[in-house]
Protein backbone atom coordinates (compact mmCIF):
# COMPACT_ATOMS: atom_id res chain seq x y z
CA MET A 1 33.58 -36.33 -3.60
CA SER A 2 32.57 -36.81 0.25
CA PHE A 3 29.90 -39.25 1.39
CA ALA A 4 26.70 -36.32 2.41
CA ASN A 5 27.72 -35.19 -1.35
CA ILE A 6 27.06 -38.93 -2.56
CA GLN A 7 23.72 -39.29 -0.10
CA GLN A 8 22.41 -36.03 -1.57
CA ASN A 9 22.89 -36.87 -5.22
CA SER A 10 21.23 -40.81 -4.91
CA LYS A 11 18.05 -38.54 -3.23
CA LEU A 12 18.08 -36.33 -5.59
CA GLU A 13 18.04 -38.56 -9.20
CA PRO A 14 16.28 -41.84 -8.76
CA GLN A 15 17.99 -45.28 -9.43
CA ALA A 16 17.40 -47.03 -12.44
CA SER A 17 16.13 -50.17 -9.31
CA GLU A 18 13.65 -47.95 -7.95
CA ALA A 19 10.42 -48.35 -9.51
CA PHE A 20 7.40 -45.39 -9.40
CA THR A 21 5.39 -44.44 -7.11
CA PRO A 22 3.16 -41.71 -6.00
CA ALA A 23 5.35 -41.58 -3.54
CA ASN A 24 8.73 -40.25 -5.17
CA GLY A 25 7.10 -39.68 -8.21
CA PHE A 26 10.05 -39.98 -10.90
CA ASN A 27 9.13 -40.32 -14.60
CA SER A 28 5.94 -39.05 -13.92
CA GLY A 29 5.55 -36.53 -16.63
CA ASP A 30 4.68 -33.45 -15.13
CA TYR A 31 7.91 -31.46 -15.79
CA SER A 32 5.87 -28.13 -15.03
CA THR A 33 7.72 -25.06 -13.36
CA PRO A 34 5.87 -24.37 -10.08
CA LYS A 35 3.49 -21.00 -10.73
CA PRO A 36 4.63 -18.02 -8.76
CA LYS A 37 2.91 -16.71 -6.16
CA PRO A 38 0.93 -13.53 -7.27
CA GLU A 39 2.03 -10.80 -5.87
CA LEU A 40 -0.07 -8.79 -3.32
CA CYS A 41 -2.49 -6.21 -4.17
CA PRO A 42 0.21 -4.89 -7.49
CA LYS A 43 -2.52 -1.55 -7.72
CA GLU A 44 -2.31 -0.60 -4.40
CA LYS A 45 1.25 -0.87 -4.08
CA GLN A 46 1.85 0.99 -7.04
CA LYS A 47 -0.42 4.16 -6.03
CA LEU A 48 1.73 4.09 -2.46
CA LYS A 49 4.74 3.75 -4.98
CA PHE A 50 3.45 6.99 -6.46
CA LYS A 51 3.12 8.88 -3.21
CA GLN A 52 6.81 8.06 -2.12
CA ASP A 53 8.11 9.37 -5.71
CA LEU A 54 6.11 12.92 -4.53
CA ALA A 55 7.20 12.94 -1.41
CA ARG A 56 10.86 12.78 -1.89
CA ASP A 57 10.10 15.46 -4.09
CA VAL A 58 8.44 17.95 -1.31
CA VAL A 59 11.20 16.82 0.86
CA ALA A 60 14.05 18.35 -1.35
CA ALA A 61 12.63 21.39 -2.01
CA LEU A 62 11.86 22.06 1.69
CA CYS A 63 15.64 21.00 2.08
CA ARG A 64 16.56 22.65 -1.18
CA SER A 65 14.28 26.48 -0.45
CA SER A 66 15.69 27.55 3.31
CA GLU A 67 17.78 26.73 6.22
CA ASN A 68 14.82 27.38 8.46
CA PRO A 69 14.62 24.73 11.21
CA LEU A 70 11.40 24.02 11.19
CA MET A 71 11.29 23.43 7.49
CA ARG A 72 13.70 20.67 7.37
CA ALA A 73 11.75 19.33 10.54
CA GLN A 74 8.46 19.42 8.70
CA ALA A 75 11.02 17.83 5.53
CA GLU A 76 11.73 14.95 7.79
CA ARG A 77 7.92 14.23 9.30
CA ILE A 78 7.39 13.72 5.87
CA LYS A 79 10.02 11.83 4.82
CA ARG A 80 9.61 9.55 8.09
CA CYS A 81 5.74 9.17 7.19
CA CYS A 82 6.44 8.05 3.61
CA SER A 83 8.91 5.56 4.73
CA ASP A 84 8.64 1.77 3.72
CA ASP A 85 8.66 0.94 7.35
CA ASN A 86 5.43 2.69 7.87
CA LEU A 87 3.59 1.78 4.99
CA PHE A 88 1.21 -1.08 4.99
CA VAL A 89 -0.97 -2.50 1.90
CA GLY A 90 -3.14 -5.18 2.42
CA GLU A 91 -6.25 -7.02 0.71
CA ASP A 92 -9.97 -8.03 1.99
CA PHE A 93 -9.86 -5.84 4.97
CA HIS A 94 -13.77 -5.14 6.03
CA THR A 95 -15.92 -1.91 6.44
CA GLY A 96 -17.95 -1.07 9.20
CA ASP A 97 -20.56 -2.15 6.47
CA GLY A 98 -18.80 -5.28 5.78
CA GLU A 99 -18.13 -4.77 2.65
CA LEU A 100 -14.18 -5.97 1.23
CA PHE A 101 -11.86 -3.79 0.02
CA ASP A 102 -7.74 -3.19 -0.65
CA GLY A 103 -6.27 -1.13 1.55
CA LYS A 104 -3.12 0.36 1.84
CA GLY A 105 -2.10 2.95 4.34
CA SER A 106 0.78 4.03 6.95
CA LEU A 107 0.76 3.20 10.25
CA TRP A 108 2.44 6.86 12.10
CA ALA A 109 1.08 10.12 9.91
CA CYS A 110 2.71 13.20 10.31
CA ASN A 111 -0.75 15.25 9.80
CA SER A 112 0.62 18.05 7.32
CA ARG A 113 -0.68 19.15 4.40
CA LEU A 114 2.48 19.12 2.25
CA CYS A 115 2.76 14.91 2.68
CA PRO A 116 0.88 13.18 0.21
CA ASN A 117 -0.08 10.26 2.29
CA CYS A 118 -1.92 12.19 4.99
CA VAL A 119 -3.94 15.13 3.03
CA SER A 120 -6.00 12.56 1.56
CA LYS A 121 -7.23 11.68 5.49
CA LEU A 122 -7.62 15.39 6.29
CA SER A 123 -9.59 15.70 3.07
CA LYS A 124 -11.28 12.08 3.82
CA ARG A 125 -12.20 13.53 7.56
CA ASN A 126 -13.29 17.11 6.03
CA ARG A 127 -15.72 15.25 3.51
CA ARG A 128 -17.48 13.39 6.86
CA ILE A 129 -17.80 16.33 8.84
CA ILE A 130 -19.83 18.05 5.26
CA ARG A 131 -21.71 15.15 5.17
CA TYR A 132 -22.51 15.13 8.45
CA VAL A 133 -23.32 18.52 9.35
CA ILE A 134 -25.75 18.47 5.64
CA GLU A 135 -27.67 15.23 6.52
CA ASN A 136 -28.75 17.12 10.03
CA GLN A 137 -29.15 20.49 8.91
CA LYS A 138 -32.95 21.31 9.25
CA LEU A 139 -34.19 23.57 6.76
CA LEU A 140 -36.69 25.96 6.70
CA VAL A 141 -39.83 26.29 4.24
CA GLY A 142 -38.71 28.04 1.46
CA GLU A 143 -34.76 26.69 1.93
CA ASN A 144 -32.78 24.83 -0.55
CA TRP A 145 -29.18 23.92 -0.84
CA TYR A 146 -27.18 25.82 -3.31
CA ALA A 147 -23.72 24.79 -4.73
CA VAL A 148 -21.44 27.62 -4.74
CA ASN A 149 -18.40 27.64 -7.95
CA PHE A 150 -16.24 30.56 -7.90
CA THR A 151 -14.16 30.73 -11.16
CA LEU A 152 -11.88 33.58 -12.40
CA GLY A 153 -13.40 35.37 -15.71
């Protein structure tokens, strides 16, 4: 045993001649284990993992179905869009109104309708456009808004 090891061991174990002080804290009776750090946004991480699994299925289907180079390029873009390096999760983000929320997203978007991350962004953009048009449309006297539902029958 070297001198360095003896010195390290003596620091870890208090000697019998040493008295208890708040600085060294031995014999304090506090033998509890430190609490683990809470995981950051577990629900958001779970949602991202689900979308990554969907993206893997889409990429596999695109690569299996054809030897077309455009389909392979689209599969590569979706794969990179849903990679771990491109995704982020965070908490305490602020909206324009100052409201707090836990967020998830991607740093770069492939803008494909087949990508699980990008399809939600496109839908969100379209809802914003529709909301703007409805709010700013001036109805004439006797005109009303109607919702049309298409069904198979």
